[in-house]
Amino acid sequence: MKAILNHLFEHKTFTREQSKEILTDIAQGKYNPSQMAAFMTAYCMRSITVTELEGFRDAMLELCLPLNLEADSLIDLCGTGGDGKDTFNISTLASFVVAGAGYKVAKHGNYGVSSGCGSSNVMEHLGYRFTDDIDRLKRSVDRANICFLHAPLFHPAMKTVAPIRRELGVKTFFNMLGPLVNPAKPQNQLAGVFNLELARVYAYLYQKSEVNYTIVHALDGYDEVSLTGDFKTFSADGERINSIEALGFTPLNESEITGGETVDESAAIFTKVLNGEGADAQNNVVLCNAALAIKTITPGKTFADSYYEAERSLTGKKAQQSFKILLEVSAA
């Protein structure tokens, strides 16, 4: 590790193969916590390259537990986190809206590291029992149109870095990997990223894959459609800036989409939105992200048609029903 750190300190980069080997060694506990913390911190101060991210992704996917859900067309809605915005659980709620609209979702999630309440925090608080049982997950997809994949269960090798990430409390390159390493390997991906540089790295990676993708970054720093300002998307159709006013929305204040300070408060917001009792700002943000996911799965649809489809799922309580069924399957 000393040679690796010196390499980084000299502003040098690693090849895809070197990056894969380094992360494999980290995951297998070959280095001490101080060395791993130094390695992660170095990437907080310099940009990651496409080849490095590719290598890290390759290692994570090779080390993860294999998962074949046998579903025709899955989508994951997953953000990198690390934007420092502390929003409520928008992508998780949007996942249930997409499921309620009839699409199959494999939601990859974890506990919050740089934010107060990640998707796993709120799901666990509301009674979901994490599982890596393939039959139970298949039943979830069949009955609720959604399964929830708690990342630590599928990436057991990452237990060596979890305590260090918690202690650092800031985003690391592991945030960048989240949307790239879903063990179900969904055919569709809505990936939110915290800066434009990373969005372009993601776009390059996805262009080389067979995944049907949309990468989203709000120009004011969110890793999702926030409606606080315009947002940029990258897809097979290219790179574009999306004006929220052109989509029919007026800019929101950041305070309208913040999350709770505790898991209790975050879960309360989650439940209110899912029950159809959310504020207009909260509902619109969730529906816009769900619409972008639906449009990713079915590129021929307009954003407006996708939005109305999402809206019917939320207001018709279909999203809520998907959530209830998921909890039932997890408790059985």
C-alpha atoms as a PDB file:
ATOM      1  CA  MET A   1       0.000   0.000   0.000  1.00  0.00           C
ATOM      2  CA  LYS A   2       2.910   2.366   0.606  1.00  0.00           C
ATOM      3  CA  ALA A   3       3.812   2.211  -3.105  1.00  0.00           C
ATOM      4  CA  ILE A   4       0.149   2.732  -4.045  1.00  0.00           C
ATOM      5  CA  LEU A   5      -0.163   5.796  -1.828  1.00  0.00           C
ATOM      6  CA  ASN A   6       3.065   7.296  -3.119  1.00  0.00           C
ATOM      7  CA  HIS A   7       1.794   6.734  -6.657  1.00  0.00           C
ATOM      8  CA  LEU A   8      -1.363   8.712  -5.774  1.00  0.00           C
ATOM      9  CA  PHE A   9       0.554  11.451  -3.970  1.00  0.00           C
ATOM     10  CA  GLU A  10       2.595  11.973  -7.135  1.00  0.00           C
ATOM     11  CA  HIS A  11      -0.670  12.629  -9.018  1.00  0.00           C
ATOM     12  CA  LYS A  12      -0.331   9.474 -11.082  1.00  0.00           C
ATOM     13  CA  THR A  13      -3.270   7.312 -12.134  1.00  0.00           C
ATOM     14  CA  PHE A  14      -3.886   3.566 -12.251  1.00  0.00           C
ATOM     15  CA  THR A  15      -4.866   1.327 -15.146  1.00  0.00           C
ATOM     16  CA  ARG A  16      -8.136  -0.596 -15.128  1.00  0.00           C
ATOM     17  CA  GLU A  17      -6.318  -3.806 -14.154  1.00  0.00           C
ATOM     18  CA  GLN A  18      -4.325  -2.116 -11.369  1.00  0.00           C
ATOM     19  CA  SER A  19      -7.488  -0.505  -9.971  1.00  0.00           C
ATOM     20  CA  LYS A  20      -9.304  -3.840  -9.953  1.00  0.00           C
ATOM     21  CA  GLU A  21      -6.427  -5.496  -8.111  1.00  0.00           C
ATOM     22  CA  ILE A  22      -6.166  -2.694  -5.535  1.00  0.00           C
ATOM     23  CA  LEU A  23      -9.868  -2.767  -4.696  1.00  0.00           C
ATOM     24  CA  THR A  24      -9.871  -6.564  -4.522  1.00  0.00           C
ATOM     25  CA  ASP A  25      -6.999  -6.414  -2.020  1.00  0.00           C
ATOM     26  CA  ILE A  26      -8.787  -3.707  -0.003  1.00  0.00           C
ATOM     27  CA  ALA A  27     -11.975  -5.763   0.099  1.00  0.00           C
ATOM     28  CA  GLN A  28     -10.076  -8.835   1.245  1.00  0.00           C
ATOM     29  CA  GLY A  29      -8.533  -6.934   4.146  1.00  0.00           C
ATOM     30  CA  LYS A  30      -4.928  -6.910   2.964  1.00  0.00           C
ATOM     31  CA  TYR A  31      -4.331  -3.367   4.251  1.00  0.00           C
ATOM     32  CA  ASN A  32      -4.755  -1.762   7.655  1.00  0.00           C
ATOM     33  CA  PRO A  33      -7.529   0.796   8.357  1.00  0.00           C
ATOM     34  CA  SER A  34      -5.179   3.795   8.295  1.00  0.00           C
ATOM     35  CA  GLN A  35      -3.879   2.854   4.859  1.00  0.00           C
ATOM     36  CA  MET A  36      -7.397   2.335   3.522  1.00  0.00           C
ATOM     37  CA  ALA A  37      -8.529   5.657   4.976  1.00  0.00           C
ATOM     38  CA  ALA A  38      -5.574   7.399   3.316  1.00  0.00           C
ATOM     39  CA  PHE A  39      -6.399   5.753  -0.009  1.00  0.00           C
ATOM     40  CA  MET A  40     -10.041   6.864   0.163  1.00  0.00           C
ATOM     41  CA  THR A  41      -9.073  10.367   1.262  1.00  0.00           C
ATOM     42  CA  ALA A  42      -6.721  10.779  -1.695  1.00  0.00           C
ATOM     43  CA  TYR A  43      -9.696  10.320  -4.020  1.00  0.00           C
ATOM     44  CA  CYS A  44     -11.548  13.046  -2.133  1.00  0.00           C
ATOM     45  CA  MET A  45      -8.859  15.452  -3.319  1.00  0.00           C
ATOM     46  CA  ARG A  46      -8.372  14.358  -6.907  1.00  0.00           C
ATOM     47  CA  SER A  47     -10.667  13.284  -9.729  1.00  0.00           C
ATOM     48  CA  ILE A  48     -11.163   9.633 -10.531  1.00  0.00           C
ATOM     49  CA  THR A  49     -10.412   8.539 -14.089  1.00  0.00           C
ATOM     50  CA  VAL A  50     -12.662   6.420 -16.298  1.00  0.00           C
ATOM     51  CA  THR A  51     -10.219   3.509 -16.209  1.00  0.00           C
ATOM     52  CA  GLU A  52      -9.912   3.652 -12.412  1.00  0.00           C
ATOM     53  CA  LEU A  53     -13.683   3.672 -11.945  1.00  0.00           C
ATOM     54  CA  GLU A  54     -13.979   0.811 -14.437  1.00  0.00           C
ATOM     55  CA  GLY A  55     -11.449  -1.230 -12.508  1.00  0.00           C
ATOM     56  CA  PHE A  56     -13.106  -0.556  -9.151  1.00  0.00           C
ATOM     57  CA  ARG A  57     -16.487  -1.487 -10.646  1.00  0.00           C
ATOM     58  CA  ASP A  58     -15.072  -4.711 -12.122  1.00  0.00           C
ATOM     59  CA  ALA A  59     -13.710  -5.737  -8.724  1.00  0.00           C
ATOM     60  CA  MET A  60     -16.979  -5.015  -6.922  1.00  0.00           C
ATOM     61  CA  LEU A  61     -19.055  -6.994  -9.430  1.00  0.00           C
ATOM     62  CA  GLU A  62     -16.640  -9.918  -9.365  1.00  0.00           C
ATOM     63  CA  LEU A  63     -16.686 -10.047  -5.564  1.00  0.00           C
ATOM     64  CA  CYS A  64     -20.441  -9.601  -5.105  1.00  0.00           C
ATOM     65  CA  LEU A  65     -22.923 -12.425  -4.558  1.00  0.00           C
ATOM     66  CA  PRO A  66     -24.458 -13.373  -7.936  1.00  0.00           C
ATOM     67  CA  LEU A  67     -28.147 -12.574  -8.325  1.00  0.00           C
ATOM     68  CA  ASN A  68     -30.352 -13.595 -11.249  1.00  0.00           C
ATOM     69  CA  LEU A  69     -33.912 -12.379 -10.719  1.00  0.00           C
ATOM     70  CA  GLU A  70     -35.030 -13.770 -14.088  1.00  0.00           C
ATOM     71  CA  ALA A  71     -36.996 -10.614 -14.871  1.00  0.00           C
ATOM     72  CA  ASP A  72     -37.235  -9.380 -18.445  1.00  0.00           C
ATOM     73  CA  SER A  73     -36.538  -5.698 -17.897  1.00  0.00           C
ATOM     74  CA  LEU A  74     -35.390  -4.372 -14.530  1.00  0.00           C
ATOM     75  CA  ILE A  75     -34.537  -0.791 -13.639  1.00  0.00           C
ATOM     76  CA  ASP A  76     -32.586   0.641 -10.729  1.00  0.00           C
ATOM     77  CA  LEU A  77     -33.020   4.228  -9.549  1.00  0.00           C
ATOM     78  CA  CYS A  78     -29.884   4.996  -7.608  1.00  0.00           C
ATOM     79  CA  GLY A  79     -27.919   8.134  -6.821  1.00  0.00           C
ATOM     80  CA  THR A  80     -24.304   8.392  -5.805  1.00  0.00           C
ATOM     81  CA  GLY A  81     -25.209  10.477  -2.773  1.00  0.00           C
ATOM     82  CA  GLY A  82     -22.486  12.765  -1.603  1.00  0.00           C
ATOM     83  CA  ASP A  83     -24.156  15.931  -2.892  1.00  0.00           C
ATOM     84  CA  GLY A  84     -24.405  17.317   0.656  1.00  0.00           C
ATOM     85  CA  LYS A  85     -28.009  18.389   0.104  1.00  0.00           C
ATOM     86  CA  ASP A  86     -29.774  16.159   2.664  1.00  0.00           C
ATOM     87  CA  THR A  87     -32.976  15.735   0.669  1.00  0.00           C
ATOM     88  CA  PHE A  88     -35.706  13.325   1.701  1.00  0.00           C
ATOM     89  CA  ASN A  89     -35.531   9.827   0.141  1.00  0.00           C
ATOM     90  CA  ILE A  90     -36.533  10.888  -3.353  1.00  0.00           C
ATOM     91  CA  SER A  91     -35.103   8.060  -5.455  1.00  0.00           C
ATOM     92  CA  THR A  92     -36.477   5.387  -3.105  1.00  0.00           C
ATOM     93  CA  LEU A  93     -39.974   6.878  -3.269  1.00  0.00           C
ATOM     94  CA  ALA A  94     -39.654   7.236  -7.038  1.00  0.00           C
ATOM     95  CA  SER A  95     -38.753   3.535  -7.179  1.00  0.00           C
ATOM     96  CA  PHE A  96     -42.093   2.593  -5.627  1.00  0.00           C
ATOM     97  CA  VAL A  97     -43.906   4.952  -7.983  1.00  0.00           C
ATOM     98  CA  VAL A  98     -42.248   3.223 -10.950  1.00  0.00           C
ATOM     99  CA  ALA A  99     -43.146  -0.182  -9.490  1.00  0.00           C
ATOM    100  CA  GLY A 100     -46.722   0.967  -8.954  1.00  0.00           C
ATOM    101  CA  ALA A 101     -46.855   1.981 -12.601  1.00  0.00           C
ATOM    102  CA  GLY A 102     -46.164  -1.639 -13.545  1.00  0.00           C
ATOM    103  CA  TYR A 103     -42.414  -1.699 -14.185  1.00  0.00           C
ATOM    104  CA  LYS A 104     -39.968  -4.083 -12.511  1.00  0.00           C
ATOM    105  CA  VAL A 105     -37.512  -2.406 -10.122  1.00  0.00           C
ATOM    106  CA  ALA A 106     -34.366  -3.753  -8.424  1.00  0.00           C
ATOM    107  CA  LYS A 107     -33.559  -0.951  -5.996  1.00  0.00           C
ATOM    108  CA  HIS A 108     -29.952  -0.970  -4.771  1.00  0.00           C
ATOM    109  CA  GLY A 109     -29.527   0.854  -1.457  1.00  0.00           C
ATOM    110  CA  ASN A 110     -27.439   1.304   1.630  1.00  0.00           C
ATOM    111  CA  TYR A 111     -27.256   3.113   4.941  1.00  0.00           C
ATOM    112  CA  GLY A 112     -26.466   6.813   4.771  1.00  0.00           C
ATOM    113  CA  VAL A 113     -22.779   7.660   5.024  1.00  0.00           C
ATOM    114  CA  SER A 114     -22.454  11.302   4.045  1.00  0.00           C
ATOM    115  CA  SER A 115     -26.200  11.905   4.555  1.00  0.00           C
ATOM    116  CA  GLY A 116     -28.303  11.356   7.638  1.00  0.00           C
ATOM    117  CA  CYS A 117     -30.714   8.793   6.238  1.00  0.00           C
ATOM    118  CA  GLY A 118     -29.984   6.495   3.313  1.00  0.00           C
ATOM    119  CA  SER A 119     -32.554   4.278   1.646  1.00  0.00           C
ATOM    120  CA  SER A 120     -31.663   1.317   3.873  1.00  0.00           C
ATOM    121  CA  ASN A 121     -32.163   3.414   7.021  1.00  0.00           C
ATOM    122  CA  VAL A 122     -35.706   4.367   6.084  1.00  0.00           C
ATOM    123  CA  MET A 123     -36.662   0.935   4.724  1.00  0.00           C
ATOM    124  CA  GLU A 124     -35.428  -0.804   7.867  1.00  0.00           C
ATOM    125  CA  HIS A 125     -37.193   1.734  10.089  1.00  0.00           C
ATOM    126  CA  LEU A 126     -40.486   1.118   8.274  1.00  0.00           C
ATOM    127  CA  GLY A 127     -40.267  -2.628   8.834  1.00  0.00           C
ATOM    128  CA  TYR A 128     -38.505  -4.046   5.808  1.00  0.00           C
ATOM    129  CA  ARG A 129     -36.327  -7.055   6.574  1.00  0.00           C
ATOM    130  CA  PHE A 130     -33.183  -7.118   4.463  1.00  0.00           C
ATOM    131  CA  THR A 131     -32.647 -10.378   2.615  1.00  0.00           C
ATOM    132  CA  ASP A 132     -30.388 -11.976   0.059  1.00  0.00           C
ATOM    133  CA  ASP A 133     -32.711 -14.962  -0.360  1.00  0.00           C
ATOM    134  CA  ILE A 134     -33.207 -15.314  -4.106  1.00  0.00           C
ATOM    135  CA  ASP A 135     -36.700 -16.869  -3.869  1.00  0.00           C
ATOM    136  CA  ARG A 136     -37.964 -14.105  -1.580  1.00  0.00           C
ATOM    137  CA  LEU A 137     -36.517 -11.440  -3.860  1.00  0.00           C
ATOM    138  CA  LYS A 138     -38.131 -13.039  -6.904  1.00  0.00           C
ATOM    139  CA  ARG A 139     -41.476 -13.122  -5.080  1.00  0.00           C
ATOM    140  CA  SER A 140     -41.051  -9.437  -4.279  1.00  0.00           C
ATOM    141  CA  VAL A 141     -40.513  -8.612  -7.949  1.00  0.00           C
ATOM    142  CA  ASP A 142     -43.400 -10.849  -9.043  1.00  0.00           C
ATOM    143  CA  ARG A 143     -45.914  -9.553  -6.490  1.00  0.00           C
ATOM    144  CA  ALA A 144     -44.799  -5.971  -5.740  1.00  0.00           C
ATOM    145  CA  ASN A 145     -42.876  -5.210  -8.969  1.00  0.00           C
ATOM    146  CA  ILE A 146     -39.908  -4.267  -6.783  1.00  0.00           C
ATOM    147  CA  CYS A 147     -37.206  -5.785  -4.620  1.00  0.00           C
ATOM    148  CA  PHE A 148     -34.829  -3.962  -2.319  1.00  0.00           C
ATOM    149  CA  LEU A 149     -31.169  -4.979  -2.410  1.00  0.00           C
ATOM    150  CA  HIS A 150     -29.356  -3.906   0.763  1.00  0.00           C
ATOM    151  CA  ALA A 151     -25.817  -3.460  -0.568  1.00  0.00           C
ATOM    152  CA  PRO A 152     -23.864  -4.950   2.399  1.00  0.00           C
ATOM    153  CA  LEU A 153     -25.640  -8.301   1.946  1.00  0.00           C
ATOM    154  CA  PHE A 154     -24.488  -8.569  -1.652  1.00  0.00           C
ATOM    155  CA  HIS A 155     -21.052  -7.008  -1.265  1.00  0.00           C
ATOM    156  CA  PRO A 156     -19.822  -8.821   1.864  1.00  0.00           C
ATOM    157  CA  ALA A 157     -16.203  -8.022   1.070  1.00  0.00           C
ATOM    158  CA  MET A 158     -17.011  -4.353   1.672  1.00  0.00           C
ATOM    159  CA  LYS A 159     -17.439  -4.924   5.393  1.00  0.00           C
ATOM    160  CA  THR A 160     -13.756  -4.075   5.751  1.00  0.00           C
ATOM    161  CA  VAL A 161     -14.336  -0.502   4.519  1.00  0.00           C
ATOM    162  CA  ALA A 162     -17.771   0.184   6.040  1.00  0.00           C
ATOM    163  CA  PRO A 163     -16.435   1.303   9.471  1.00  0.00           C
ATOM    164  CA  ILE A 164     -13.864   3.569   7.803  1.00  0.00           C
ATOM    165  CA  ARG A 165     -16.492   5.176   5.570  1.00  0.00           C
ATOM    166  CA  ARG A 166     -18.693   5.811   8.608  1.00  0.00           C
ATOM    167  CA  GLU A 167     -15.817   7.370  10.557  1.00  0.00           C
ATOM    168  CA  LEU A 168     -14.756   9.575   7.632  1.00  0.00           C
ATOM    169  CA  GLY A 169     -18.382  10.718   7.197  1.00  0.00           C
ATOM    170  CA  VAL A 170     -17.730  12.259   3.765  1.00  0.00           C
ATOM    171  CA  LYS A 171     -18.298  11.025   0.254  1.00  0.00           C
ATOM    172  CA  THR A 172     -15.601   8.724  -1.126  1.00  0.00           C
ATOM    173  CA  PHE A 173     -15.155   6.917  -4.418  1.00  0.00           C
ATOM    174  CA  PHE A 174     -17.422   4.200  -2.988  1.00  0.00           C
ATOM    175  CA  ASN A 175     -20.296   6.661  -3.438  1.00  0.00           C
ATOM    176  CA  MET A 176     -19.386   6.797  -7.119  1.00  0.00           C
ATOM    177  CA  LEU A 177     -19.658   3.007  -7.363  1.00  0.00           C
ATOM    178  CA  GLY A 178     -23.158   2.562  -5.904  1.00  0.00           C
ATOM    179  CA  PRO A 179     -25.222   2.839  -9.103  1.00  0.00           C
ATOM    180  CA  LEU A 180     -22.642   0.825 -11.081  1.00  0.00           C
ATOM    181  CA  VAL A 181     -22.569  -2.327  -8.952  1.00  0.00           C
ATOM    182  CA  ASN A 182     -26.187  -3.456  -8.556  1.00  0.00           C
ATOM    183  CA  PRO A 183     -25.838  -7.264  -8.182  1.00  0.00           C
ATOM    184  CA  ALA A 184     -28.991  -7.839 -10.261  1.00  0.00           C
ATOM    185  CA  LYS A 185     -27.278  -6.102 -13.207  1.00  0.00           C
ATOM    186  CA  PRO A 186     -30.494  -4.362 -14.351  1.00  0.00           C
ATOM    187  CA  GLN A 187     -30.981  -3.685 -18.037  1.00  0.00           C
ATOM    188  CA  ASN A 188     -32.079  -0.105 -17.292  1.00  0.00           C
ATOM    189  CA  GLN A 189     -30.499   2.466 -14.986  1.00  0.00           C
ATOM    190  CA  LEU A 190     -31.410   5.940 -13.790  1.00  0.00           C
ATOM    191  CA  ALA A 191     -28.198   7.120 -12.129  1.00  0.00           C
ATOM    192  CA  GLY A 192     -27.937  10.397 -10.262  1.00  0.00           C
ATOM    193  CA  VAL A 193     -24.466  11.896  -9.810  1.00  0.00           C
ATOM    194  CA  PHE A 194     -23.176  14.772  -7.692  1.00  0.00           C
ATOM    195  CA  ASN A 195     -21.095  16.634 -10.284  1.00  0.00           C
ATOM    196  CA  LEU A 196     -20.817  17.087 -14.040  1.00  0.00           C
ATOM    197  CA  GLU A 197     -17.329  15.657 -14.271  1.00  0.00           C
ATOM    198  CA  LEU A 198     -18.530  12.369 -12.799  1.00  0.00           C
ATOM    199  CA  ALA A 199     -21.617  12.469 -15.034  1.00  0.00           C
ATOM    200  CA  ARG A 200     -19.355  12.464 -18.080  1.00  0.00           C
ATOM    201  CA  VAL A 201     -17.275   9.583 -16.668  1.00  0.00           C
ATOM    202  CA  TYR A 202     -20.495   7.630 -16.112  1.00  0.00           C
ATOM    203  CA  ALA A 203     -21.690   8.436 -19.629  1.00  0.00           C
ATOM    204  CA  TYR A 204     -18.468   7.039 -21.059  1.00  0.00           C
ATOM    205  CA  LEU A 205     -18.821   3.828 -19.032  1.00  0.00           C
ATOM    206  CA  TYR A 206     -22.470   3.299 -19.960  1.00  0.00           C
ATOM    207  CA  GLN A 207     -21.791   3.948 -23.646  1.00  0.00           C
ATOM    208  CA  LYS A 208     -19.543   0.882 -23.560  1.00  0.00           C
ATOM    209  CA  SER A 209     -22.281  -1.254 -21.967  1.00  0.00           C
ATOM    210  CA  GLU A 210     -25.598  -2.701 -23.132  1.00  0.00           C
ATOM    211  CA  VAL A 211     -27.492  -0.911 -20.350  1.00  0.00           C
ATOM    212  CA  ASN A 212     -30.317   1.448 -21.295  1.00  0.00           C
ATOM    213  CA  TYR A 213     -29.372   4.464 -19.182  1.00  0.00           C
ATOM    214  CA  THR A 214     -30.110   8.012 -18.130  1.00  0.00           C
ATOM    215  CA  ILE A 215     -27.589   9.892 -16.008  1.00  0.00           C
ATOM    216  CA  VAL A 216     -28.931  12.946 -14.235  1.00  0.00           C
ATOM    217  CA  HIS A 217     -27.253  15.857 -12.491  1.00  0.00           C
ATOM    218  CA  ALA A 218     -28.999  19.019 -11.305  1.00  0.00           C
ATOM    219  CA  LEU A 219     -26.914  22.038 -12.255  1.00  0.00           C
ATOM    220  CA  ASP A 220     -27.090  23.381  -8.700  1.00  0.00           C
ATOM    221  CA  GLY A 221     -25.449  20.235  -7.350  1.00  0.00           C
ATOM    222  CA  TYR A 222     -28.127  17.624  -6.625  1.00  0.00           C
ATOM    223  CA  ASP A 223     -27.706  13.996  -7.685  1.00  0.00           C
ATOM    224  CA  GLU A 224     -31.336  13.864  -8.853  1.00  0.00           C
ATOM    225  CA  VAL A 225     -33.993  16.045 -10.434  1.00  0.00           C
ATOM    226  CA  SER A 226     -34.513  18.523  -7.596  1.00  0.00           C
ATOM    227  CA  LEU A 227     -36.703  21.127  -9.360  1.00  0.00           C
ATOM    228  CA  THR A 228     -34.635  23.785  -7.599  1.00  0.00           C
ATOM    229  CA  GLY A 229     -33.097  24.530 -10.992  1.00  0.00           C
ATOM    230  CA  ASP A 230     -32.389  23.054 -14.403  1.00  0.00           C
ATOM    231  CA  PHE A 231     -30.800  19.645 -14.746  1.00  0.00           C
ATOM    232  CA  LYS A 232     -28.579  17.877 -17.214  1.00  0.00           C
ATOM    233  CA  THR A 233     -29.139  14.383 -18.594  1.00  0.00           C
ATOM    234  CA  PHE A 234     -26.861  12.017 -20.482  1.00  0.00           C
ATOM    235  CA  SER A 235     -28.345   9.102 -22.418  1.00  0.00           C
ATOM    236  CA  ALA A 236     -27.973   7.236 -25.694  1.00  0.00           C
ATOM    237  CA  ASP A 237     -29.655  10.272 -27.282  1.00  0.00           C
ATOM    238  CA  GLY A 238     -26.814  12.503 -26.105  1.00  0.00           C
ATOM    239  CA  GLU A 239     -26.264  15.234 -23.538  1.00  0.00           C
ATOM    240  CA  ARG A 240     -28.894  17.885 -22.871  1.00  0.00           C
ATOM    241  CA  ILE A 241     -29.898  20.597 -20.425  1.00  0.00           C
ATOM    242  CA  ASN A 242     -33.505  20.278 -19.273  1.00  0.00           C
ATOM    243  CA  SER A 243     -35.284  23.476 -18.303  1.00  0.00           C
ATOM    244  CA  ILE A 244     -37.726  22.915 -15.471  1.00  0.00           C
ATOM    245  CA  GLU A 245     -39.835  25.833 -16.659  1.00  0.00           C
ATOM    246  CA  ALA A 246     -40.085  24.243 -20.114  1.00  0.00           C
ATOM    247  CA  LEU A 247     -41.325  21.096 -18.349  1.00  0.00           C
ATOM    248  CA  GLY A 248     -44.036  23.153 -16.666  1.00  0.00           C
ATOM    249  CA  PHE A 249     -42.569  23.691 -13.194  1.00  0.00           C
ATOM    250  CA  THR A 250     -41.489  26.732 -11.237  1.00  0.00           C
ATOM    251  CA  PRO A 251     -38.237  26.517  -9.256  1.00  0.00           C
ATOM    252  CA  LEU A 252     -38.521  25.165  -5.732  1.00  0.00           C
ATOM    253  CA  ASN A 253     -36.746  26.432  -2.657  1.00  0.00           C
ATOM    254  CA  GLU A 254     -34.171  23.991  -1.288  1.00  0.00           C
ATOM    255  CA  SER A 255     -36.005  23.919   2.049  1.00  0.00           C
ATOM    256  CA  GLU A 256     -39.049  22.358   0.370  1.00  0.00           C
ATOM    257  CA  ILE A 257     -37.238  19.101  -0.376  1.00  0.00           C
ATOM    258  CA  THR A 258     -34.988  18.651   2.643  1.00  0.00           C
ATOM    259  CA  GLY A 259     -35.169  15.436   4.649  1.00  0.00           C
ATOM    260  CA  GLY A 260     -35.646  14.955   8.342  1.00  0.00           C
ATOM    261  CA  GLU A 261     -32.837  15.364  10.836  1.00  0.00           C
ATOM    262  CA  THR A 262     -33.488  11.870  12.197  1.00  0.00           C
ATOM    263  CA  VAL A 263     -34.506   8.546  10.669  1.00  0.00           C
ATOM    264  CA  ASP A 264     -37.899   8.975  12.393  1.00  0.00           C
ATOM    265  CA  GLU A 265     -38.483  12.286  10.627  1.00  0.00           C
ATOM    266  CA  SER A 266     -37.256  10.972   7.283  1.00  0.00           C
ATOM    267  CA  ALA A 267     -39.540   7.935   7.564  1.00  0.00           C
ATOM    268  CA  ALA A 268     -42.475  10.213   8.387  1.00  0.00           C
ATOM    269  CA  ILE A 269     -41.877  12.235   5.195  1.00  0.00           C
ATOM    270  CA  PHE A 270     -41.526   9.012   3.216  1.00  0.00           C
ATOM    271  CA  THR A 271     -44.827   7.675   4.559  1.00  0.00           C
ATOM    272  CA  LYS A 272     -46.714  10.931   3.973  1.00  0.00           C
ATOM    273  CA  VAL A 273     -45.645  11.112   0.334  1.00  0.00           C
ATOM    274  CA  LEU A 274     -46.428   7.442  -0.271  1.00  0.00           C
ATOM    275  CA  ASN A 275     -49.861   7.862   1.350  1.00  0.00           C
ATOM    276  CA  GLY A 276     -50.693  10.762  -0.970  1.00  0.00           C
ATOM    277  CA  GLU A 277     -50.315  13.349   1.779  1.00  0.00           C
ATOM    278  CA  GLY A 278     -47.050  14.924   0.608  1.00  0.00           C
ATOM    279  CA  ALA A 279     -46.668  18.606  -0.204  1.00  0.00           C
ATOM    280  CA  ASP A 280     -46.905  19.539  -3.880  1.00  0.00           C
ATOM    281  CA  ALA A 281     -43.160  20.221  -3.988  1.00  0.00           C
ATOM    282  CA  GLN A 282     -42.361  16.787  -2.553  1.00  0.00           C
ATOM    283  CA  ASN A 283     -44.784  15.013  -4.883  1.00  0.00           C
ATOM    284  CA  ASN A 284     -43.525  16.829  -7.975  1.00  0.00           C
ATOM    285  CA  VAL A 285     -39.885  16.004  -7.271  1.00  0.00           C
ATOM    286  CA  VAL A 286     -40.677  12.318  -6.751  1.00  0.00           C
ATOM    287  CA  LEU A 287     -42.847  12.197  -9.866  1.00  0.00           C
ATOM    288  CA  CYS A 288     -40.225  13.897 -12.041  1.00  0.00           C
ATOM    289  CA  ASN A 289     -37.598  11.345 -11.054  1.00  0.00           C
ATOM    290  CA  ALA A 290     -40.049   8.492 -11.557  1.00  0.00           C
ATOM    291  CA  ALA A 291     -40.984   9.936 -14.954  1.00  0.00           C
ATOM    292  CA  LEU A 292     -37.341  10.051 -15.987  1.00  0.00           C
ATOM    293  CA  ALA A 293     -37.019   6.383 -15.005  1.00  0.00           C
ATOM    294  CA  ILE A 294     -40.124   5.405 -16.991  1.00  0.00           C
ATOM    295  CA  LYS A 295     -38.820   7.334 -19.982  1.00  0.00           C
ATOM    296  CA  THR A 296     -35.498   5.498 -19.629  1.00  0.00           C
ATOM    297  CA  ILE A 297     -37.279   2.127 -19.874  1.00  0.00           C
ATOM    298  CA  THR A 298     -39.490   3.305 -22.752  1.00  0.00           C
ATOM    299  CA  PRO A 299     -37.473   5.948 -24.652  1.00  0.00           C
ATOM    300  CA  GLY A 300     -40.274   6.512 -27.170  1.00  0.00           C
ATOM    301  CA  LYS A 301     -42.498   8.103 -24.511  1.00  0.00           C
ATOM    302  CA  THR A 302     -42.494  11.822 -23.870  1.00  0.00           C
ATOM    303  CA  PHE A 303     -41.550  13.164 -20.451  1.00  0.00           C
ATOM    304  CA  ALA A 304     -45.141  14.409 -20.035  1.00  0.00           C
ATOM    305  CA  ASP A 305     -46.647  10.982 -20.748  1.00  0.00           C
ATOM    306  CA  SER A 306     -44.167   9.378 -18.357  1.00  0.00           C
ATOM    307  CA  TYR A 307     -45.010  11.961 -15.688  1.00  0.00           C
ATOM    308  CA  TYR A 308     -48.770  11.311 -15.982  1.00  0.00           C
ATOM    309  CA  GLU A 309     -48.115   7.584 -15.715  1.00  0.00           C
ATOM    310  CA  ALA A 310     -46.117   8.178 -12.527  1.00  0.00           C
ATOM    311  CA  GLU A 311     -48.801  10.501 -11.190  1.00  0.00           C
ATOM    312  CA  ARG A 312     -51.498   7.843 -11.636  1.00  0.00           C
ATOM    313  CA  SER A 313     -49.327   5.401  -9.694  1.00  0.00           C
ATOM    314  CA  LEU A 314     -48.932   7.780  -6.746  1.00  0.00           C
ATOM    315  CA  THR A 315     -52.426   9.280  -6.586  1.00  0.00           C
ATOM    316  CA  GLY A 316     -54.071   5.937  -7.307  1.00  0.00           C
ATOM    317  CA  LYS A 317     -52.200   4.420  -4.329  1.00  0.00           C
ATOM    318  CA  LYS A 318     -50.509   1.840  -6.562  1.00  0.00           C
ATOM    319  CA  ALA A 319     -47.076   2.916  -5.310  1.00  0.00           C
ATOM    320  CA  GLN A 320     -48.306   2.550  -1.737  1.00  0.00           C
ATOM    321  CA  GLN A 321     -49.635  -0.926  -2.581  1.00  0.00           C
ATOM    322  CA  SER A 322     -46.247  -1.987  -3.981  1.00  0.00           C
ATOM    323  CA  PHE A 323     -44.620  -0.878  -0.733  1.00  0.00           C
ATOM    324  CA  LYS A 324     -47.145  -2.765   1.421  1.00  0.00           C
ATOM    325  CA  ILE A 325     -46.739  -5.961  -0.594  1.00  0.00           C
ATOM    326  CA  LEU A 326     -42.951  -5.694  -0.382  1.00  0.00           C
ATOM    327  CA  LEU A 327     -43.169  -5.486   3.414  1.00  0.00           C
ATOM    328  CA  GLU A 328     -45.533  -8.491   3.488  1.00  0.00           C
ATOM    329  CA  VAL A 329     -43.184 -10.615   1.399  1.00  0.00           C
ATOM    330  CA  SER A 330     -40.200  -9.644   3.562  1.00  0.00           C
ATOM    331  CA  ALA A 331     -42.066 -10.600   6.736  1.00  0.00           C
ATOM    332  CA  ALA A 332     -43.374 -13.946   5.456  1.00  0.00           C
END
